[in-house]
Amino acid sequence: GGTTTYAESAKGRFAISGDNAKNTVYLQMNSLKPEDTAVYYCNAHLQ
């Protein structure tokens, strides 16, 4: 339905969006910091 939730460290810098028709999610990351270095994992709760 488009409701979003962010970690405090991501608020104001990252934006998550989705395309329901394509079952695809995006994460736009701006103003990246060295502490953002990590392996990023996508997850989905589905039937």
ModelCIF file with pLDDT and N, C-alpha, C, O atoms, coordinates in Angstrom:
data_MODEL
#
_entry.id   MODEL 
#
_entity.id                         1 
_entity.type                       polymer 
_entity.pdbx_number_of_molecules   1 
#
_entity_poly.entity_id                      1 
_entity_poly.type                           'polypeptide(L)' 
_entity_poly.nstd_linkage                   no 
_entity_poly.nstd_monomer                   no 
_entity_poly.pdbx_seq_one_letter_code       GGTTTYAESAKGRFAISGDNAKNTVYLQMNSLKPEDTAVYYCNAHLQ 
_entity_poly.pdbx_seq_one_letter_code_can   GGTTTYAESAKGRFAISGDNAKNTVYLQMNSLKPEDTAVYYCNAHLQ 
_entity_poly.pdbx_strand_id                 A 
#
loop_
_entity_poly_seq.entity_id 
_entity_poly_seq.num 
_entity_poly_seq.mon_id 
_entity_poly_seq.hetero 
1 1  GLY n 
1 2  GLY n 
1 3  THR n 
1 4  THR n 
1 5  THR n 
1 6  TYR n 
1 7  ALA n 
1 8  GLU n 
1 9  SER n 
1 10 ALA n 
1 11 LYS n 
1 12 GLY n 
1 13 ARG n 
1 14 PHE n 
1 15 ALA n 
1 16 ILE n 
1 17 SER n 
1 18 GLY n 
1 19 ASP n 
1 20 ASN n 
1 21 ALA n 
1 22 LYS n 
1 23 ASN n 
1 24 THR n 
1 25 VAL n 
1 26 TYR n 
1 27 LEU n 
1 28 GLN n 
1 29 MET n 
1 30 ASN n 
1 31 SER n 
1 32 LEU n 
1 33 LYS n 
1 34 PRO n 
1 35 GLU n 
1 36 ASP n 
1 37 THR n 
1 38 ALA n 
1 39 VAL n 
1 40 TYR n 
1 41 TYR n 
1 42 CYS n 
1 43 ASN n 
1 44 ALA n 
1 45 HIS n 
1 46 LEU n 
1 47 GLN n 
#
_struct_asym.id          A 
_struct_asym.entity_id   1 
#
loop_
_ma_qa_metric.id 
_ma_qa_metric.mode 
_ma_qa_metric.name 
_ma_qa_metric.software_group_id 
_ma_qa_metric.type 
1 global pLDDT . pLDDT 
2 local  pLDDT . pLDDT 
#
_ma_qa_metric_global.metric_id      1 
_ma_qa_metric_global.metric_value   95.68 
_ma_qa_metric_global.model_id       1 
_ma_qa_metric_global.ordinal_id     1 
#
loop_
_ma_qa_metric_local.label_asym_id 
_ma_qa_metric_local.label_comp_id 
_ma_qa_metric_local.label_seq_id 
_ma_qa_metric_local.metric_id 
_ma_qa_metric_local.metric_value 
_ma_qa_metric_local.model_id 
_ma_qa_metric_local.ordinal_id 
A GLY 1  2 92.00 1 1  
A GLY 2  2 93.00 1 2  
A THR 3  2 96.00 1 3  
A THR 4  2 97.00 1 4  
A THR 5  2 98.00 1 5  
A TYR 6  2 98.00 1 6  
A ALA 7  2 97.00 1 7  
A GLU 8  2 97.00 1 8  
A SER 9  2 95.00 1 9  
A ALA 10 2 96.00 1 10 
A LYS 11 2 96.00 1 11 
A GLY 12 2 96.00 1 12 
A ARG 13 2 98.00 1 13 
A PHE 14 2 98.00 1 14 
A ALA 15 2 98.00 1 15 
A ILE 16 2 98.00 1 16 
A SER 17 2 97.00 1 17 
A GLY 18 2 93.00 1 18 
A ASP 19 2 91.00 1 19 
A ASN 20 2 85.00 1 20 
A ALA 21 2 87.00 1 21 
A LYS 22 2 89.00 1 22 
A ASN 23 2 90.00 1 23 
A THR 24 2 94.00 1 24 
A VAL 25 2 96.00 1 25 
A TYR 26 2 97.00 1 26 
A LEU 27 2 98.00 1 27 
A GLN 28 2 98.00 1 28 
A MET 29 2 98.00 1 29 
A ASN 30 2 98.00 1 30 
A SER 31 2 98.00 1 31 
A LEU 32 2 98.00 1 32 
A LYS 33 2 97.00 1 33 
A PRO 34 2 97.00 1 34 
A GLU 35 2 96.00 1 35 
A ASP 36 2 98.00 1 36 
A THR 37 2 98.00 1 37 
A ALA 38 2 98.00 1 38 
A VAL 39 2 98.00 1 39 
A TYR 40 2 98.00 1 40 
A TYR 41 2 98.00 1 41 
A CYS 42 2 97.00 1 42 
A ASN 43 2 96.00 1 43 
A ALA 44 2 95.00 1 44 
A HIS 45 2 95.00 1 45 
A LEU 46 2 93.00 1 46 
A GLN 47 2 93.00 1 47 
#
loop_
_atom_site.group_PDB 
_atom_site.id 
_atom_site.type_symbol 
_atom_site.label_atom_id 
_atom_site.label_alt_id 
_atom_site.label_comp_id 
_atom_site.label_asym_id 
_atom_site.label_entity_id 
_atom_site.label_seq_id 
_atom_site.pdbx_PDB_ins_code 
_atom_site.Cartn_x 
_atom_site.Cartn_y 
_atom_site.Cartn_z 
_atom_site.occupancy 
_atom_site.B_iso_or_equiv 
_atom_site.pdbx_formal_charge 
_atom_site.auth_seq_id 
_atom_site.auth_comp_id 
_atom_site.auth_asym_id 
_atom_site.auth_atom_id 
_atom_site.pdbx_PDB_model_num 
ATOM 1   N N  . GLY A 1 1  ? 0.787  -1.219  0.000   1.00 92.00 ? 1  GLY A N  1 
ATOM 2   C CA . GLY A 1 1  ? 0.000  0.000   0.000   1.00 92.00 ? 1  GLY A CA 1 
ATOM 3   C C  . GLY A 1 1  ? 0.821  1.271   0.000   1.00 92.00 ? 1  GLY A C  1 
ATOM 4   O O  . GLY A 1 1  ? 0.259  2.364   -0.076  1.00 92.00 ? 1  GLY A O  1 
ATOM 5   N N  . GLY A 1 2  ? 2.142  1.158   0.084   1.00 93.00 ? 2  GLY A N  1 
ATOM 6   C CA . GLY A 1 2  ? 3.013  2.315   0.005   1.00 93.00 ? 2  GLY A CA 1 
ATOM 7   C C  . GLY A 1 2  ? 3.478  2.879   1.328   1.00 93.00 ? 2  GLY A C  1 
ATOM 8   O O  . GLY A 1 2  ? 4.169  3.897   1.347   1.00 93.00 ? 2  GLY A O  1 
ATOM 9   N N  . THR A 1 3  ? 3.122  2.250   2.439   1.00 96.00 ? 3  THR A N  1 
ATOM 10  C CA . THR A 1 3  ? 3.580  2.713   3.740   1.00 96.00 ? 3  THR A CA 1 
ATOM 11  C C  . THR A 1 3  ? 5.051  2.360   3.935   1.00 96.00 ? 3  THR A C  1 
ATOM 12  O O  . THR A 1 3  ? 5.453  1.222   3.696   1.00 96.00 ? 3  THR A O  1 
ATOM 13  N N  . THR A 1 4  ? 5.850  3.325   4.366   1.00 97.00 ? 4  THR A N  1 
ATOM 14  C CA . THR A 1 4  ? 7.288  3.126   4.509   1.00 97.00 ? 4  THR A CA 1 
ATOM 15  C C  . THR A 1 4  ? 7.734  3.301   5.949   1.00 97.00 ? 4  THR A C  1 
ATOM 16  O O  . THR A 1 4  ? 7.122  4.039   6.722   1.00 97.00 ? 4  THR A O  1 
ATOM 17  N N  . THR A 1 5  ? 8.818  2.605   6.296   1.00 98.00 ? 5  THR A N  1 
ATOM 18  C CA . THR A 1 5  ? 9.456  2.712   7.592   1.00 98.00 ? 5  THR A CA 1 
ATOM 19  C C  . THR A 1 5  ? 10.958 2.721   7.375   1.00 98.00 ? 5  THR A C  1 
ATOM 20  O O  . THR A 1 5  ? 11.477 1.944   6.574   1.00 98.00 ? 5  THR A O  1 
ATOM 21  N N  . TYR A 1 6  ? 11.665 3.606   8.090   1.00 98.00 ? 6  TYR A N  1 
ATOM 22  C CA . TYR A 1 6  ? 13.106 3.741   7.935   1.00 98.00 ? 6  TYR A CA 1 
ATOM 23  C C  . TYR A 1 6  ? 13.821 3.608   9.267   1.00 98.00 ? 6  TYR A C  1 
ATOM 24  O O  . TYR A 1 6  ? 13.288 3.973   10.315  1.00 98.00 ? 6  TYR A O  1 
ATOM 25  N N  . ALA A 1 7  ? 15.040 3.079   9.213   1.00 97.00 ? 7  ALA A N  1 
ATOM 26  C CA . ALA A 1 7  ? 15.925 3.165   10.348  1.00 97.00 ? 7  ALA A CA 1 
ATOM 27  C C  . ALA A 1 7  ? 16.316 4.622   10.567  1.00 97.00 ? 7  ALA A C  1 
ATOM 28  O O  . ALA A 1 7  ? 16.339 5.409   9.620   1.00 97.00 ? 7  ALA A O  1 
ATOM 29  N N  . GLU A 1 8  ? 16.622 4.980   11.804  1.00 97.00 ? 8  GLU A N  1 
ATOM 30  C CA . GLU A 1 8  ? 16.988 6.360   12.106  1.00 97.00 ? 8  GLU A CA 1 
ATOM 31  C C  . GLU A 1 8  ? 18.190 6.814   11.283  1.00 97.00 ? 8  GLU A C  1 
ATOM 32  O O  . GLU A 1 8  ? 18.249 7.968   10.861  1.00 97.00 ? 8  GLU A O  1 
ATOM 33  N N  . SER A 1 9  ? 19.134 5.932   11.055  1.00 95.00 ? 9  SER A N  1 
ATOM 34  C CA . SER A 1 9  ? 20.324 6.287   10.297  1.00 95.00 ? 9  SER A CA 1 
ATOM 35  C C  . SER A 1 9  ? 20.042 6.560   8.830   1.00 95.00 ? 9  SER A C  1 
ATOM 36  O O  . SER A 1 9  ? 20.850 7.191   8.150   1.00 95.00 ? 9  SER A O  1 
ATOM 37  N N  . ALA A 1 10 ? 18.899 6.090   8.334   1.00 96.00 ? 10 ALA A N  1 
ATOM 38  C CA . ALA A 1 10 ? 18.556 6.246   6.920   1.00 96.00 ? 10 ALA A CA 1 
ATOM 39  C C  . ALA A 1 10 ? 17.622 7.416   6.652   1.00 96.00 ? 10 ALA A C  1 
ATOM 40  O O  . ALA A 1 10 ? 17.538 7.884   5.516   1.00 96.00 ? 10 ALA A O  1 
ATOM 41  N N  . LYS A 1 11 ? 16.930 7.891   7.656   1.00 96.00 ? 11 LYS A N  1 
ATOM 42  C CA . LYS A 1 11 ? 15.947 8.952   7.467   1.00 96.00 ? 11 LYS A CA 1 
ATOM 43  C C  . LYS A 1 11 ? 16.593 10.210  6.899   1.00 96.00 ? 11 LYS A C  1 
ATOM 44  O O  . LYS A 1 11 ? 17.637 10.661  7.372   1.00 96.00 ? 11 LYS A O  1 
ATOM 45  N N  . GLY A 1 12 ? 15.951 10.767  5.873   1.00 96.00 ? 12 GLY A N  1 
ATOM 46  C CA . GLY A 1 12 ? 16.442 11.982  5.249   1.00 96.00 ? 12 GLY A CA 1 
ATOM 47  C C  . GLY A 1 12 ? 17.471 11.760  4.171   1.00 96.00 ? 12 GLY A C  1 
ATOM 48  O O  . GLY A 1 12 ? 17.753 12.678  3.401   1.00 96.00 ? 12 GLY A O  1 
ATOM 49  N N  . ARG A 1 13 ? 18.045 10.573  4.085   1.00 98.00 ? 13 ARG A N  1 
ATOM 50  C CA . ARG A 1 13 ? 19.065 10.275  3.083   1.00 98.00 ? 13 ARG A CA 1 
ATOM 51  C C  . ARG A 1 13 ? 18.633 9.183   2.111   1.00 98.00 ? 13 ARG A C  1 
ATOM 52  O O  . ARG A 1 13 ? 18.966 9.236   0.927   1.00 98.00 ? 13 ARG A O  1 
ATOM 53  N N  . PHE A 1 14 ? 17.899 8.199   2.604   1.00 98.00 ? 14 PHE A N  1 
ATOM 54  C CA . PHE A 1 14 ? 17.477 7.066   1.786   1.00 98.00 ? 14 PHE A CA 1 
ATOM 55  C C  . PHE A 1 14 ? 15.985 7.159   1.499   1.00 98.00 ? 14 PHE A C  1 
ATOM 56  O O  . PHE A 1 14 ? 15.225 7.722   2.286   1.00 98.00 ? 14 PHE A O  1 
ATOM 57  N N  . ALA A 1 15 ? 15.577 6.603   0.367   1.00 98.00 ? 15 ALA A N  1 
ATOM 58  C CA . ALA A 1 15 ? 14.165 6.543   0.004   1.00 98.00 ? 15 ALA A CA 1 
ATOM 59  C C  . ALA A 1 15 ? 13.854 5.190   -0.613  1.00 98.00 ? 15 ALA A C  1 
ATOM 60  O O  . ALA A 1 15 ? 14.496 4.774   -1.577  1.00 98.00 ? 15 ALA A O  1 
ATOM 61  N N  . ILE A 1 16 ? 12.867 4.510   -0.054  1.00 98.00 ? 16 ILE A N  1 
ATOM 62  C CA . ILE A 1 16 ? 12.453 3.223   -0.583  1.00 98.00 ? 16 ILE A CA 1 
ATOM 63  C C  . ILE A 1 16 ? 11.181 3.419   -1.401  1.00 98.00 ? 16 ILE A C  1 
ATOM 64  O O  . ILE A 1 16 ? 10.310 4.204   -1.028  1.00 98.00 ? 16 ILE A O  1 
ATOM 65  N N  . SER A 1 17 ? 11.082 2.712   -2.501  1.00 97.00 ? 17 SER A N  1 
ATOM 66  C CA . SER A 1 17 ? 9.907  2.765   -3.349  1.00 97.00 ? 17 SER A CA 1 
ATOM 67  C C  . SER A 1 17 ? 9.682  1.393   -3.966  1.00 97.00 ? 17 SER A C  1 
ATOM 68  O O  . SER A 1 17 ? 10.576 0.546   -3.959  1.00 97.00 ? 17 SER A O  1 
ATOM 69  N N  . GLY A 1 18 ? 8.490  1.179   -4.499  1.00 93.00 ? 18 GLY A N  1 
ATOM 70  C CA . GLY A 1 18 ? 8.177  -0.115  -5.071  1.00 93.00 ? 18 GLY A CA 1 
ATOM 71  C C  . GLY A 1 18 ? 7.287  -0.019  -6.287  1.00 93.00 ? 18 GLY A C  1 
ATOM 72  O O  . GLY A 1 18 ? 6.603  0.981   -6.503  1.00 93.00 ? 18 GLY A O  1 
ATOM 73  N N  . ASP A 1 19 ? 7.308  -1.066  -7.069  1.00 91.00 ? 19 ASP A N  1 
ATOM 74  C CA . ASP A 1 19 ? 6.455  -1.208  -8.246  1.00 91.00 ? 19 ASP A CA 1 
ATOM 75  C C  . ASP A 1 19 ? 5.688  -2.501  -8.055  1.00 91.00 ? 19 ASP A C  1 
ATOM 76  O O  . ASP A 1 19 ? 6.232  -3.587  -8.253  1.00 91.00 ? 19 ASP A O  1 
ATOM 77  N N  . ASN A 1 20 ? 4.420  -2.388  -7.667  1.00 85.00 ? 20 ASN A N  1 
ATOM 78  C CA . ASN A 1 20 ? 3.615  -3.574  -7.384  1.00 85.00 ? 20 ASN A CA 1 
ATOM 79  C C  . ASN A 1 20 ? 3.446  -4.472  -8.611  1.00 85.00 ? 20 ASN A C  1 
ATOM 80  O O  . ASN A 1 20 ? 3.458  -5.698  -8.494  1.00 85.00 ? 20 ASN A O  1 
ATOM 81  N N  . ALA A 1 21 ? 3.291  -3.863  -9.781  1.00 87.00 ? 21 ALA A N  1 
ATOM 82  C CA . ALA A 1 21 ? 3.081  -4.638  -10.996 1.00 87.00 ? 21 ALA A CA 1 
ATOM 83  C C  . ALA A 1 21 ? 4.289  -5.502  -11.329 1.00 87.00 ? 21 ALA A C  1 
ATOM 84  O O  . ALA A 1 21 ? 4.145  -6.586  -11.895 1.00 87.00 ? 21 ALA A O  1 
ATOM 85  N N  . LYS A 1 22 ? 5.479  -5.025  -10.979 1.00 89.00 ? 22 LYS A N  1 
ATOM 86  C CA . LYS A 1 22 ? 6.707  -5.749  -11.282 1.00 89.00 ? 22 LYS A CA 1 
ATOM 87  C C  . LYS A 1 22 ? 7.262  -6.521  -10.089 1.00 89.00 ? 22 LYS A C  1 
ATOM 88  O O  . LYS A 1 22 ? 8.274  -7.210  -10.212 1.00 89.00 ? 22 LYS A O  1 
ATOM 89  N N  . ASN A 1 23 ? 6.603  -6.409  -8.933  1.00 90.00 ? 23 ASN A N  1 
ATOM 90  C CA . ASN A 1 23 ? 7.120  -7.015  -7.698  1.00 90.00 ? 23 ASN A CA 1 
ATOM 91  C C  . ASN A 1 23 ? 8.585  -6.641  -7.499  1.00 90.00 ? 23 ASN A C  1 
ATOM 92  O O  . ASN A 1 23 ? 9.442  -7.496  -7.279  1.00 90.00 ? 23 ASN A O  1 
ATOM 93  N N  . THR A 1 24 ? 8.841  -5.354  -7.582  1.00 94.00 ? 24 THR A N  1 
ATOM 94  C CA . THR A 1 24 ? 10.190 -4.824  -7.505  1.00 94.00 ? 24 THR A CA 1 
ATOM 95  C C  . THR A 1 24 ? 10.251 -3.708  -6.469  1.00 94.00 ? 24 THR A C  1 
ATOM 96  O O  . THR A 1 24 ? 9.318  -2.915  -6.344  1.00 94.00 ? 24 THR A O  1 
ATOM 97  N N  . VAL A 1 25 ? 11.349 -3.653  -5.732  1.00 96.00 ? 25 VAL A N  1 
ATOM 98  C CA . VAL A 1 25 ? 11.562 -2.606  -4.750  1.00 96.00 ? 25 VAL A CA 1 
ATOM 99  C C  . VAL A 1 25 ? 12.899 -1.933  -5.028  1.00 96.00 ? 25 VAL A C  1 
ATOM 100 O O  . VAL A 1 25 ? 13.841 -2.570  -5.498  1.00 96.00 ? 25 VAL A O  1 
ATOM 101 N N  . TYR A 1 26 ? 12.970 -0.629  -4.732  1.00 97.00 ? 26 TYR A N  1 
ATOM 102 C CA . TYR A 1 26 ? 14.170 0.158   -4.961  1.00 97.00 ? 26 TYR A CA 1 
ATOM 103 C C  . TYR A 1 26 ? 14.591 0.844   -3.666  1.00 97.00 ? 26 TYR A C  1 
ATOM 104 O O  . TYR A 1 26 ? 13.767 1.121   -2.795  1.00 97.00 ? 26 TYR A O  1 
ATOM 105 N N  . LEU A 1 27 ? 15.868 1.107   -3.559  1.00 98.00 ? 27 LEU A N  1 
ATOM 106 C CA . LEU A 1 27 ? 16.391 1.889   -2.451  1.00 98.00 ? 27 LEU A CA 1 
ATOM 107 C C  . LEU A 1 27 ? 17.325 2.945   -3.021  1.00 98.00 ? 27 LEU A C  1 
ATOM 108 O O  . LEU A 1 27 ? 18.432 2.634   -3.458  1.00 98.00 ? 27 LEU A O  1 
ATOM 109 N N  . GLN A 1 28 ? 16.875 4.194   -3.013  1.00 98.00 ? 28 GLN A N  1 
ATOM 110 C CA . GLN A 1 28 ? 17.707 5.313   -3.437  1.00 98.00 ? 28 GLN A CA 1 
ATOM 111 C C  . GLN A 1 28 ? 18.503 5.796   -2.236  1.00 98.00 ? 28 GLN A C  1 
ATOM 112 O O  . GLN A 1 28 ? 17.925 6.184   -1.221  1.00 98.00 ? 28 GLN A O  1 
ATOM 113 N N  . MET A 1 29 ? 19.823 5.774   -2.344  1.00 98.00 ? 29 MET A N  1 
ATOM 114 C CA . MET A 1 29 ? 20.704 6.145   -1.252  1.00 98.00 ? 29 MET A CA 1 
ATOM 115 C C  . MET A 1 29 ? 21.506 7.376   -1.656  1.00 98.00 ? 29 MET A C  1 
ATOM 116 O O  . MET A 1 29 ? 22.296 7.331   -2.598  1.00 98.00 ? 29 MET A O  1 
ATOM 117 N N  . ASN A 1 30 ? 21.299 8.465   -0.941  1.00 98.00 ? 30 ASN A N  1 
ATOM 118 C CA . ASN A 1 30 ? 21.998 9.718   -1.196  1.00 98.00 ? 30 ASN A CA 1 
ATOM 119 C C  . ASN A 1 30 ? 22.866 10.084  0.001   1.00 98.00 ? 30 ASN A C  1 
ATOM 120 O O  . ASN A 1 30 ? 22.684 9.555   1.098   1.00 98.00 ? 30 ASN A O  1 
ATOM 121 N N  . SER A 1 31 ? 23.804 10.989  -0.218  1.00 98.00 ? 31 SER A N  1 
ATOM 122 C CA . SER A 1 31 ? 24.695 11.457  0.844   1.00 98.00 ? 31 SER A CA 1 
ATOM 123 C C  . SER A 1 31 ? 25.315 10.297  1.603   1.00 98.00 ? 31 SER A C  1 
ATOM 124 O O  . SER A 1 31 ? 25.305 10.273  2.834   1.00 98.00 ? 31 SER A O  1 
ATOM 125 N N  . LEU A 1 32 ? 25.849 9.348   0.872   1.00 98.00 ? 32 LEU A N  1 
ATOM 126 C CA . LEU A 1 32 ? 26.383 8.137   1.485   1.00 98.00 ? 32 LEU A CA 1 
ATOM 127 C C  . LEU A 1 32 ? 27.596 8.441   2.359   1.00 98.00 ? 32 LEU A C  1 
ATOM 128 O O  . LEU A 1 32 ? 28.405 9.317   2.053   1.00 98.00 ? 32 LEU A O  1 
ATOM 129 N N  . LYS A 1 33 ? 27.697 7.698   3.448   1.00 97.00 ? 33 LYS A N  1 
ATOM 130 C CA . LYS A 1 33 ? 28.778 7.831   4.412   1.00 97.00 ? 33 LYS A CA 1 
ATOM 131 C C  . LYS A 1 33 ? 29.550 6.526   4.507   1.00 97.00 ? 33 LYS A C  1 
ATOM 132 O O  . LYS A 1 33 ? 29.001 5.468   4.202   1.00 97.00 ? 33 LYS A O  1 
ATOM 133 N N  . PRO A 1 34 ? 30.815 6.574   4.924   1.00 97.00 ? 34 PRO A N  1 
ATOM 134 C CA . PRO A 1 34 ? 31.571 5.328   5.084   1.00 97.00 ? 34 PRO A CA 1 
ATOM 135 C C  . PRO A 1 34 ? 30.875 4.314   5.983   1.00 97.00 ? 34 PRO A C  1 
ATOM 136 O O  . PRO A 1 34 ? 31.006 3.110   5.762   1.00 97.00 ? 34 PRO A O  1 
ATOM 137 N N  . GLU A 1 35 ? 30.142 4.771   6.988   1.00 96.00 ? 35 GLU A N  1 
ATOM 138 C CA . GLU A 1 35 ? 29.444 3.857   7.871   1.00 96.00 ? 35 GLU A CA 1 
ATOM 139 C C  . GLU A 1 35 ? 28.268 3.148   7.205   1.00 96.00 ? 35 GLU A C  1 
ATOM 140 O O  . GLU A 1 35 ? 27.685 2.240   7.797   1.00 96.00 ? 35 GLU A O  1 
ATOM 141 N N  . ASP A 1 36 ? 27.910 3.550   5.980   1.00 98.00 ? 36 ASP A N  1 
ATOM 142 C CA . ASP A 1 36 ? 26.890 2.842   5.219   1.00 98.00 ? 36 ASP A CA 1 
ATOM 143 C C  . ASP A 1 36 ? 27.448 1.599   4.530   1.00 98.00 ? 36 ASP A C  1 
ATOM 144 O O  . ASP A 1 36 ? 26.686 0.809   3.972   1.00 98.00 ? 36 ASP A O  1 
ATOM 145 N N  . THR A 1 37 ? 28.757 1.418   4.562   1.00 98.00 ? 37 THR A N  1 
ATOM 146 C CA . THR A 1 37 ? 29.383 0.265   3.928   1.00 98.00 ? 37 THR A CA 1 
ATOM 147 C C  . THR A 1 37 ? 28.862 -1.025  4.547   1.00 98.00 ? 37 THR A C  1 
ATOM 148 O O  . THR A 1 37 ? 28.948 -1.216  5.760   1.00 98.00 ? 37 THR A O  1 
ATOM 149 N N  . ALA A 1 38 ? 28.325 -1.905  3.715   1.00 98.00 ? 38 ALA A N  1 
ATOM 150 C CA . ALA A 1 38 ? 27.739 -3.154  4.183   1.00 98.00 ? 38 ALA A CA 1 
ATOM 151 C C  . ALA A 1 38 ? 27.273 -3.968  2.985   1.00 98.00 ? 38 ALA A C  1 
ATOM 152 O O  . ALA A 1 38 ? 27.247 -3.482  1.855   1.00 98.00 ? 38 ALA A O  1 
ATOM 153 N N  . VAL A 1 39 ? 26.907 -5.208  3.253   1.00 98.00 ? 39 VAL A N  1 
ATOM 154 C CA . VAL A 1 39 ? 26.170 -5.998  2.281   1.00 98.00 ? 39 VAL A CA 1 
ATOM 155 C C  . VAL A 1 39 ? 24.689 -5.716  2.507   1.00 98.00 ? 39 VAL A C  1 
ATOM 156 O O  . VAL A 1 39 ? 24.185 -5.862  3.620   1.00 98.00 ? 39 VAL A O  1 
ATOM 157 N N  . TYR A 1 40 ? 24.005 -5.316  1.458   1.00 98.00 ? 40 TYR A N  1 
ATOM 158 C CA . TYR A 1 40 ? 22.589 -4.979  1.544   1.00 98.00 ? 40 TYR A CA 1 
ATOM 159 C C  . TYR A 1 40 ? 21.755 -6.144  1.008   1.00 98.00 ? 40 TYR A C  1 
ATOM 160 O O  . TYR A 1 40 ? 21.978 -6.627  -0.102  1.00 98.00 ? 40 TYR A O  1 
ATOM 161 N N  . TYR A 1 41 ? 20.797 -6.581  1.815   1.00 98.00 ? 41 TYR A N  1 
ATOM 162 C CA . TYR A 1 41 ? 19.956 -7.720  1.482   1.00 98.00 ? 41 TYR A CA 1 
ATOM 163 C C  . TYR A 1 41 ? 18.512 -7.285  1.275   1.00 98.00 ? 41 TYR A C  1 
ATOM 164 O O  . TYR A 1 41 ? 17.945 -6.566  2.098   1.00 98.00 ? 41 TYR A O  1 
ATOM 165 N N  . CYS A 1 42 ? 17.933 -7.721  0.185   1.00 97.00 ? 42 CYS A N  1 
ATOM 166 C CA . CYS A 1 42 ? 16.520 -7.508  -0.078  1.00 97.00 ? 42 CYS A CA 1 
ATOM 167 C C  . CYS A 1 42 ? 15.713 -8.633  0.560   1.00 97.00 ? 42 CYS A C  1 
ATOM 168 O O  . CYS A 1 42 ? 16.170 -9.775  0.611   1.00 97.00 ? 42 CYS A O  1 
ATOM 169 N N  . ASN A 1 43 ? 14.528 -8.318  1.041   1.00 96.00 ? 43 ASN A N  1 
ATOM 170 C CA . ASN A 1 43 ? 13.643 -9.345  1.555   1.00 96.00 ? 43 ASN A CA 1 
ATOM 171 C C  . ASN A 1 43 ? 12.205 -9.061  1.142   1.00 96.00 ? 43 ASN A C  1 
ATOM 172 O O  . ASN A 1 43 ? 11.838 -7.920  0.860   1.00 96.00 ? 43 ASN A O  1 
ATOM 173 N N  . ALA A 1 44 ? 11.399 -10.118 1.110   1.00 95.00 ? 44 ALA A N  1 
ATOM 174 C CA . ALA A 1 44 ? 10.001 -9.996  0.736   1.00 95.00 ? 44 ALA A CA 1 
ATOM 175 C C  . ALA A 1 44 ? 9.176  -10.986 1.529   1.00 95.00 ? 44 ALA A C  1 
ATOM 176 O O  . ALA A 1 44 ? 9.543  -12.153 1.664   1.00 95.00 ? 44 ALA A O  1 
ATOM 177 N N  . HIS A 1 45 ? 8.057  -10.511 2.053   1.00 95.00 ? 45 HIS A N  1 
ATOM 178 C CA . HIS A 1 45 ? 7.084  -11.368 2.712   1.00 95.00 ? 45 HIS A CA 1 
ATOM 179 C C  . HIS A 1 45 ? 5.976  -11.626 1.702   1.00 95.00 ? 45 HIS A C  1 
ATOM 180 O O  . HIS A 1 45 ? 5.266  -10.698 1.314   1.00 95.00 ? 45 HIS A O  1 
ATOM 181 N N  . LEU A 1 46 ? 5.816  -12.879 1.270   1.00 93.00 ? 46 LEU A N  1 
ATOM 182 C CA . LEU A 1 46 ? 4.910  -13.161 0.170   1.00 93.00 ? 46 LEU A CA 1 
ATOM 183 C C  . LEU A 1 46 ? 4.258  -14.526 0.294   1.00 93.00 ? 46 LEU A C  1 
ATOM 184 O O  . LEU A 1 46 ? 4.692  -15.397 1.048   1.00 93.00 ? 46 LEU A O  1 
ATOM 185 N N  . GLN A 1 47 ? 3.192  -14.669 -0.485  1.00 93.00 ? 47 GLN A N  1 
ATOM 186 C CA . GLN A 1 47 ? 2.513  -15.950 -0.629  1.00 93.00 ? 47 GLN A CA 1 
ATOM 187 C C  . GLN A 1 47 ? 2.638  -16.378 -2.084  1.00 93.00 ? 47 GLN A C  1 
ATOM 188 O O  . GLN A 1 47 ? 2.141  -17.439 -2.461  1.00 93.00 ? 47 GLN A O  1 
#
